[in-house]
N, C-alpha and C. Protein backbone atom coordinates (compact mmCIF):
# COMPACT_ATOMS: atom_id res chain seq x y z
N MET A 1 109.77 87.95 56.33
CA MET A 1 109.64 89.09 57.20
C MET A 1 110.75 90.03 56.95
N ALA A 2 110.47 91.32 56.83
CA ALA A 2 111.43 92.37 56.60
C ALA A 2 111.97 92.89 57.95
N TRP A 3 113.17 93.37 57.90
CA TRP A 3 113.76 93.84 59.18
C TRP A 3 114.10 95.33 58.89
N VAL A 4 113.84 96.12 59.96
CA VAL A 4 114.17 97.56 59.90
C VAL A 4 115.00 97.91 61.08
N MET A 5 116.10 98.45 60.87
CA MET A 5 117.02 98.76 62.01
C MET A 5 117.13 100.27 62.09
N VAL A 6 116.74 100.73 63.29
CA VAL A 6 116.68 102.28 63.48
C VAL A 6 117.38 102.50 64.79
N PRO A 7 118.21 103.47 64.80
CA PRO A 7 118.83 103.84 66.19
C PRO A 7 117.76 104.49 67.02
N VAL A 8 117.82 104.08 68.28
CA VAL A 8 116.72 104.64 69.25
C VAL A 8 117.55 105.24 70.43
N PRO A 9 117.26 106.51 70.76
CA PRO A 9 117.91 107.06 71.99
C PRO A 9 117.59 106.23 73.23
N GLU A 10 118.55 106.12 74.00
CA GLU A 10 118.44 105.29 75.29
C GLU A 10 117.23 105.67 76.06
N GLU A 11 116.93 106.97 76.24
CA GLU A 11 115.79 107.38 77.09
C GLU A 11 114.49 107.04 76.46
N LEU A 12 114.42 106.76 75.16
CA LEU A 12 113.19 106.38 74.51
C LEU A 12 112.97 104.82 74.29
N LEU A 13 113.92 104.13 74.77
CA LEU A 13 113.91 102.66 74.48
C LEU A 13 112.67 101.99 75.05
N GLY A 14 112.33 102.32 76.27
CA GLY A 14 111.08 101.73 76.87
C GLY A 14 109.82 102.04 76.09
N GLU A 15 109.73 103.27 75.63
CA GLU A 15 108.51 103.66 74.91
C GLU A 15 108.48 102.89 73.49
N VAL A 16 109.61 102.83 72.85
CA VAL A 16 109.69 102.14 71.54
C VAL A 16 109.40 100.64 71.76
N ASP A 17 109.96 100.05 72.80
CA ASP A 17 109.59 98.63 73.07
C ASP A 17 108.15 98.48 73.26
N ALA A 18 107.49 99.33 74.05
CA ALA A 18 106.07 99.26 74.32
C ALA A 18 105.29 99.39 73.02
N LEU A 19 105.72 100.32 72.21
CA LEU A 19 105.02 100.56 70.85
C LEU A 19 105.11 99.33 70.01
N LEU A 20 106.29 98.73 69.88
CA LEU A 20 106.49 97.53 69.10
C LEU A 20 105.69 96.40 69.63
N TYR A 21 105.60 96.24 71.01
CA TYR A 21 104.78 95.18 71.62
C TYR A 21 103.31 95.42 71.20
N ARG A 22 102.82 96.58 71.29
CA ARG A 22 101.38 96.88 70.96
C ARG A 22 101.09 96.48 69.50
N LEU A 23 102.01 96.91 68.67
CA LEU A 23 101.82 96.60 67.20
C LEU A 23 101.84 95.11 66.97
N ARG A 24 102.74 94.39 67.59
CA ARG A 24 102.72 92.90 67.43
C ARG A 24 101.47 92.33 68.01
N LEU A 25 101.03 92.81 69.13
CA LEU A 25 99.78 92.29 69.80
C LEU A 25 98.58 92.57 68.86
N GLN A 26 98.50 93.68 68.26
CA GLN A 26 97.39 93.98 67.42
C GLN A 26 97.33 92.98 66.25
N ASN A 27 98.37 92.55 65.71
CA ASN A 27 98.45 91.68 64.56
C ASN A 27 98.22 90.19 65.07
N GLU A 28 98.62 89.83 66.21
CA GLU A 28 98.72 88.49 66.57
C GLU A 28 97.56 88.01 67.44
N ALA A 29 96.88 88.84 68.18
CA ALA A 29 96.11 88.39 69.21
C ALA A 29 94.68 89.04 69.26
N PRO A 30 93.99 88.89 68.12
CA PRO A 30 92.57 89.40 68.22
C PRO A 30 91.71 88.47 69.01
N GLY A 31 90.53 88.88 69.39
CA GLY A 31 89.52 88.00 70.04
C GLY A 31 89.13 88.31 71.40
N LEU A 32 89.88 89.20 72.15
CA LEU A 32 89.44 89.56 73.51
C LEU A 32 88.48 90.66 73.50
N ASP A 33 87.27 90.36 73.03
CA ASP A 33 86.21 91.37 73.04
C ASP A 33 85.58 91.43 74.45
N GLY A 34 84.48 92.26 74.52
CA GLY A 34 83.87 92.45 75.83
C GLY A 34 83.45 91.19 76.52
N PRO A 35 82.66 90.32 75.88
CA PRO A 35 82.16 89.11 76.51
C PRO A 35 83.28 88.17 76.92
N ASN A 36 84.25 88.00 76.06
CA ASN A 36 85.46 87.20 76.35
C ASN A 36 86.21 87.68 77.53
N MET A 37 86.37 88.99 77.53
CA MET A 37 87.11 89.69 78.69
C MET A 37 86.36 89.45 79.97
N GLY A 38 84.99 89.61 79.91
CA GLY A 38 84.23 89.36 81.09
C GLY A 38 84.32 88.01 81.63
N GLU A 39 84.41 86.97 80.74
CA GLU A 39 84.59 85.58 81.09
C GLU A 39 85.97 85.43 81.72
N HIS A 40 86.93 86.10 81.16
CA HIS A 40 88.31 86.03 81.69
C HIS A 40 88.34 86.58 83.10
N LEU A 41 87.75 87.70 83.28
CA LEU A 41 87.73 88.32 84.64
C LEU A 41 87.12 87.37 85.65
N LEU A 42 86.01 86.76 85.28
CA LEU A 42 85.29 85.89 86.22
C LEU A 42 86.06 84.62 86.45
N SER A 43 86.95 84.22 85.51
CA SER A 43 87.72 82.98 85.73
C SER A 43 88.89 83.17 86.62
N LEU A 44 89.29 84.40 86.86
CA LEU A 44 90.53 84.67 87.67
C LEU A 44 90.14 84.57 89.18
N ALA A 45 91.23 84.20 89.94
CA ALA A 45 91.12 84.29 91.38
C ALA A 45 91.07 85.70 91.75
N ASP A 46 90.48 85.99 92.96
CA ASP A 46 90.25 87.38 93.43
C ASP A 46 91.51 88.22 93.37
N GLU A 47 92.67 87.67 93.77
CA GLU A 47 93.95 88.48 93.82
C GLU A 47 94.38 88.83 92.49
N ALA A 48 94.43 87.89 91.43
CA ALA A 48 94.78 88.19 90.06
C ALA A 48 93.86 89.25 89.47
N ARG A 49 92.52 89.00 89.78
CA ARG A 49 91.50 89.94 89.18
C ARG A 49 91.74 91.34 89.75
N ALA A 50 92.08 91.43 91.02
CA ALA A 50 92.33 92.75 91.70
C ALA A 50 93.55 93.49 91.02
N VAL A 51 94.48 92.70 90.61
CA VAL A 51 95.73 93.33 90.00
C VAL A 51 95.35 93.75 88.58
N LEU A 52 94.63 92.94 87.87
CA LEU A 52 94.14 93.29 86.53
C LEU A 52 93.28 94.58 86.53
N LEU A 53 92.38 94.65 87.51
CA LEU A 53 91.49 95.83 87.58
C LEU A 53 92.29 97.06 87.89
N GLU A 54 93.27 96.96 88.80
CA GLU A 54 94.02 98.18 89.17
C GLU A 54 94.85 98.65 87.90
N VAL A 55 95.49 97.72 87.30
CA VAL A 55 96.39 98.06 86.12
C VAL A 55 95.51 98.74 85.07
N ALA A 56 94.36 98.12 84.78
CA ALA A 56 93.47 98.70 83.76
C ALA A 56 93.01 100.08 84.09
N ALA A 57 92.64 100.23 85.38
CA ALA A 57 92.18 101.57 85.82
C ALA A 57 93.30 102.58 85.71
N GLY A 58 94.52 102.23 85.97
CA GLY A 58 95.65 103.17 85.80
C GLY A 58 95.82 103.57 84.41
N VAL A 59 95.77 102.57 83.54
CA VAL A 59 95.93 102.87 82.10
C VAL A 59 94.84 103.75 81.49
N VAL A 60 93.64 103.43 81.88
CA VAL A 60 92.48 104.27 81.44
C VAL A 60 92.55 105.67 81.93
N SER A 61 93.08 105.87 83.14
CA SER A 61 93.17 107.21 83.71
C SER A 61 94.45 108.02 83.14
N GLY A 62 95.24 107.28 82.41
CA GLY A 62 96.41 107.86 81.81
C GLY A 62 97.62 107.88 82.78
N GLN A 63 97.50 107.11 83.85
CA GLN A 63 98.58 107.09 84.82
C GLN A 63 98.88 105.62 85.24
N PRO A 64 99.58 104.93 84.33
CA PRO A 64 99.91 103.51 84.69
C PRO A 64 100.67 103.46 85.96
N ILE A 65 100.34 102.42 86.76
CA ILE A 65 100.88 102.31 88.13
C ILE A 65 102.24 101.60 88.15
N GLU A 66 103.10 102.01 89.10
CA GLU A 66 104.40 101.46 89.25
C GLU A 66 104.18 100.03 89.92
N ASP A 67 105.02 99.14 89.66
CA ASP A 67 104.94 97.78 90.13
C ASP A 67 105.11 97.73 91.72
N LEU A 68 106.10 98.54 92.19
CA LEU A 68 106.34 98.60 93.60
C LEU A 68 105.19 99.26 94.36
N GLN A 69 104.63 100.30 93.68
CA GLN A 69 103.48 100.96 94.29
C GLN A 69 102.28 100.00 94.51
N LEU A 70 102.03 99.23 93.49
CA LEU A 70 100.91 98.31 93.50
C LEU A 70 101.17 97.17 94.52
N ALA A 71 102.40 96.66 94.57
CA ALA A 71 102.82 95.69 95.54
C ALA A 71 102.53 96.24 96.95
N ASP A 72 103.03 97.44 97.13
CA ASP A 72 102.80 98.14 98.48
C ASP A 72 101.36 98.26 98.77
N MET A 73 100.61 98.75 97.82
CA MET A 73 99.16 98.91 98.06
C MET A 73 98.45 97.67 98.45
N PHE A 74 98.89 96.51 97.89
CA PHE A 74 98.27 95.19 98.25
C PHE A 74 98.95 94.54 99.39
N GLY A 75 100.10 95.09 99.89
CA GLY A 75 100.81 94.55 101.04
C GLY A 75 101.44 93.13 100.65
N ILE A 76 101.98 93.10 99.48
CA ILE A 76 102.62 91.93 98.96
C ILE A 76 103.98 92.20 98.51
N SER A 77 104.82 91.16 98.36
CA SER A 77 106.12 91.44 97.76
C SER A 77 106.12 91.54 96.26
N GLU A 78 107.15 92.12 95.70
CA GLU A 78 107.24 92.23 94.24
C GLU A 78 107.19 90.93 93.53
N PRO A 79 107.80 89.86 93.98
CA PRO A 79 107.67 88.61 93.31
C PRO A 79 106.30 88.06 93.40
N GLU A 80 105.61 88.26 94.51
CA GLU A 80 104.15 87.85 94.54
C GLU A 80 103.34 88.59 93.59
N LEU A 81 103.57 89.92 93.47
CA LEU A 81 102.79 90.73 92.43
C LEU A 81 103.04 90.22 91.03
N LEU A 82 104.31 89.93 90.72
CA LEU A 82 104.59 89.43 89.39
C LEU A 82 103.96 88.04 89.12
N GLY A 83 103.87 87.23 90.15
CA GLY A 83 103.08 85.98 89.97
C GLY A 83 101.64 86.24 89.72
N LEU A 84 101.04 87.23 90.37
CA LEU A 84 99.64 87.60 90.14
C LEU A 84 99.42 88.22 88.71
N VAL A 85 100.48 88.96 88.26
CA VAL A 85 100.45 89.44 86.86
C VAL A 85 100.41 88.29 85.85
N SER A 86 101.25 87.31 86.14
CA SER A 86 101.27 86.16 85.36
C SER A 86 99.94 85.35 85.26
N GLU A 87 99.33 85.25 86.45
CA GLU A 87 98.01 84.64 86.48
C GLU A 87 96.95 85.52 85.65
N ALA A 88 97.03 86.73 85.81
CA ALA A 88 96.06 87.59 85.01
C ALA A 88 96.28 87.50 83.59
N ASN A 89 97.54 87.28 83.18
CA ASN A 89 97.92 87.12 81.71
C ASN A 89 97.60 85.72 81.14
N ASP A 90 97.28 84.74 82.05
CA ASP A 90 96.95 83.42 81.57
C ASP A 90 95.48 83.33 81.13
N VAL A 91 95.26 83.68 79.87
CA VAL A 91 93.90 83.62 79.28
C VAL A 91 93.75 82.24 78.72
N THR A 92 92.76 81.55 79.34
CA THR A 92 92.56 80.10 78.97
C THR A 92 91.26 79.90 78.18
N LEU A 93 90.55 80.95 77.99
CA LEU A 93 89.24 80.87 77.27
C LEU A 93 89.40 80.69 75.75
N LEU A 94 90.45 81.26 75.21
CA LEU A 94 90.66 81.22 73.77
C LEU A 94 92.16 81.34 73.49
N PRO A 95 92.56 80.98 72.32
CA PRO A 95 94.02 81.16 72.03
C PRO A 95 94.32 82.61 72.06
N PHE A 96 95.22 82.96 72.93
CA PHE A 96 95.65 84.33 73.10
C PHE A 96 97.22 84.33 73.16
N LYS A 97 97.93 84.88 72.21
CA LYS A 97 99.36 84.80 72.22
C LYS A 97 99.96 85.92 72.93
N GLY A 98 99.31 86.98 73.30
CA GLY A 98 99.94 88.16 73.92
C GLY A 98 99.86 88.17 75.39
N LYS A 99 100.18 89.25 76.07
CA LYS A 99 99.98 89.43 77.47
C LYS A 99 99.05 90.65 77.69
N LEU A 100 98.17 90.49 78.59
CA LEU A 100 97.33 91.62 78.93
C LEU A 100 98.09 92.70 79.63
N ILE A 101 98.88 92.31 80.58
CA ILE A 101 99.70 93.22 81.32
C ILE A 101 101.17 93.04 81.03
N PHE A 102 101.80 94.22 80.72
CA PHE A 102 103.31 94.07 80.46
C PHE A 102 103.98 95.20 81.26
N ILE A 103 105.23 95.05 81.44
CA ILE A 103 106.06 95.99 82.22
C ILE A 103 106.95 96.85 81.29
N SER A 104 106.91 98.17 81.57
CA SER A 104 107.86 99.00 80.81
C SER A 104 108.72 99.73 81.78
N ARG A 105 109.90 99.98 81.43
CA ARG A 105 110.88 100.78 82.21
C ARG A 105 110.86 102.15 81.72
N GLU A 106 110.75 103.14 82.61
CA GLU A 106 110.80 104.56 82.27
C GLU A 106 111.83 105.27 83.18
N PRO A 107 112.38 106.41 82.68
CA PRO A 107 113.30 107.10 83.64
C PRO A 107 112.46 107.61 84.84
N ASP A 108 113.18 107.53 85.96
CA ASP A 108 112.57 108.05 87.14
C ASP A 108 112.75 109.55 87.21
N PRO A 109 111.56 110.36 87.22
CA PRO A 109 111.61 111.73 87.19
C PRO A 109 112.46 112.40 88.33
N ALA A 110 112.44 111.69 89.52
CA ALA A 110 113.18 112.22 90.62
C ALA A 110 114.65 111.91 90.49
N ARG A 111 115.02 110.83 89.91
CA ARG A 111 116.43 110.46 89.71
C ARG A 111 116.64 109.88 88.30
N PRO A 112 116.94 110.74 87.36
CA PRO A 112 117.05 110.28 85.92
C PRO A 112 118.00 109.09 85.73
N GLU A 113 118.95 108.96 86.53
CA GLU A 113 119.89 107.90 86.35
C GLU A 113 119.27 106.53 86.66
N ASN A 114 118.12 106.57 87.35
CA ASN A 114 117.40 105.31 87.64
C ASN A 114 116.19 105.19 86.73
N THR A 115 115.65 103.94 86.77
CA THR A 115 114.32 103.65 85.96
C THR A 115 113.34 103.17 86.99
N ILE A 116 112.08 103.34 86.58
CA ILE A 116 110.99 102.83 87.32
C ILE A 116 110.23 101.87 86.43
N ARG A 117 109.59 100.89 86.99
CA ARG A 117 108.83 99.93 86.18
C ARG A 117 107.34 100.21 86.43
N ARG A 118 106.66 100.31 85.30
CA ARG A 118 105.16 100.59 85.29
C ARG A 118 104.48 99.40 84.63
N LEU A 119 103.34 99.13 85.20
CA LEU A 119 102.45 98.02 84.55
C LEU A 119 101.53 98.71 83.58
N HIS A 120 101.56 98.14 82.40
CA HIS A 120 100.83 98.75 81.30
C HIS A 120 99.92 97.66 80.61
N MET A 121 98.93 98.17 79.94
CA MET A 121 98.10 97.33 79.08
C MET A 121 97.82 98.19 77.79
N MET A 122 97.40 97.57 76.76
CA MET A 122 96.93 98.26 75.61
C MET A 122 95.68 99.06 76.08
N GLU A 123 95.53 100.27 75.65
CA GLU A 123 94.42 101.11 76.08
C GLU A 123 93.08 100.51 75.82
N GLY A 124 92.90 99.97 74.57
CA GLY A 124 91.65 99.33 74.22
C GLY A 124 91.32 98.19 75.12
N GLN A 125 92.27 97.34 75.49
CA GLN A 125 92.01 96.24 76.39
C GLN A 125 91.74 96.69 77.75
N ALA A 126 92.45 97.71 78.23
CA ALA A 126 92.16 98.30 79.57
C ALA A 126 90.75 98.81 79.60
N GLN A 127 90.30 99.49 78.52
CA GLN A 127 88.94 100.07 78.58
C GLN A 127 87.95 98.94 78.65
N ILE A 128 88.20 97.85 77.91
CA ILE A 128 87.26 96.73 77.96
C ILE A 128 87.22 96.13 79.35
N VAL A 129 88.38 96.02 80.03
CA VAL A 129 88.41 95.45 81.38
C VAL A 129 87.59 96.37 82.32
N VAL A 130 87.74 97.67 82.25
CA VAL A 130 87.00 98.58 83.14
C VAL A 130 85.53 98.42 82.84
N GLU A 131 85.13 98.43 81.61
CA GLU A 131 83.74 98.36 81.20
C GLU A 131 83.08 97.01 81.72
N GLN A 132 83.78 95.98 81.47
CA GLN A 132 83.26 94.64 81.84
C GLN A 132 83.18 94.52 83.34
N ALA A 133 84.16 95.04 84.08
CA ALA A 133 84.13 95.01 85.58
C ALA A 133 82.89 95.81 86.06
N GLU A 134 82.58 96.80 85.39
CA GLU A 134 81.41 97.68 85.79
C GLU A 134 80.09 96.85 85.47
N LEU A 135 80.07 96.27 84.30
CA LEU A 135 78.92 95.45 83.94
C LEU A 135 78.65 94.26 84.84
N LEU A 136 79.71 93.62 85.21
CA LEU A 136 79.64 92.54 86.11
C LEU A 136 79.56 92.80 87.58
N GLY A 137 79.64 94.08 87.91
CA GLY A 137 79.66 94.46 89.32
C GLY A 137 80.86 94.17 90.11
N LEU A 138 81.97 94.06 89.41
CA LEU A 138 83.22 93.78 90.11
C LEU A 138 83.85 95.04 90.47
N GLU A 139 84.22 95.16 91.77
CA GLU A 139 84.75 96.38 92.33
C GLU A 139 86.28 96.20 92.48
N ARG A 140 87.06 97.34 92.39
CA ARG A 140 88.46 97.37 92.75
C ARG A 140 88.54 97.29 94.13
N THR A 141 89.26 96.36 94.59
CA THR A 141 89.51 96.17 96.07
C THR A 141 90.97 95.86 96.28
N THR A 142 91.46 96.21 97.43
CA THR A 142 92.88 95.75 97.78
C THR A 142 92.82 94.39 98.24
N LEU A 143 93.95 93.75 98.07
CA LEU A 143 94.06 92.32 98.60
C LEU A 143 94.00 92.27 100.05
N PRO A 144 93.53 91.11 100.65
CA PRO A 144 93.43 91.06 102.05
C PRO A 144 94.82 91.01 102.62
N SER A 145 94.99 91.67 103.79
CA SER A 145 96.29 91.64 104.45
C SER A 145 96.66 90.30 105.05
N PRO A 146 97.80 89.79 104.85
CA PRO A 146 98.13 88.47 105.52
C PRO A 146 98.17 88.68 107.03
N GLU A 147 97.63 87.75 107.73
CA GLU A 147 97.60 87.83 109.17
C GLU A 147 98.51 86.84 109.86
């Protein structure tokens, strides 16, 4: 394996990390086509499926959602959300080395000294999730509120 070392400006680090992740995933994890993704969606618990559908919809619309925003939308804590992300990433139907959902840190437009975390997917996989959800009649819903 060859190594390439390139200086990256601090403000672009998240984008470069995401790009490198996508490139690695393209080379290492083929196989999640439409039917396989549909099976994966059906294999998930409702809560993990809801998270995957929301993240995919955000990516397809060009507006990936913030982790805190999604946790608030579902009325759950951030650690609970990250647990659901982990469940959504657990593809058991076939050998899958990557993650469907990953987190990137981006500068906060309101306060540039801070960063926000967004939940991302590769655009092609997000599109497959959205299409399969539609084909299977799965709707985006919020998680039930704890009582």
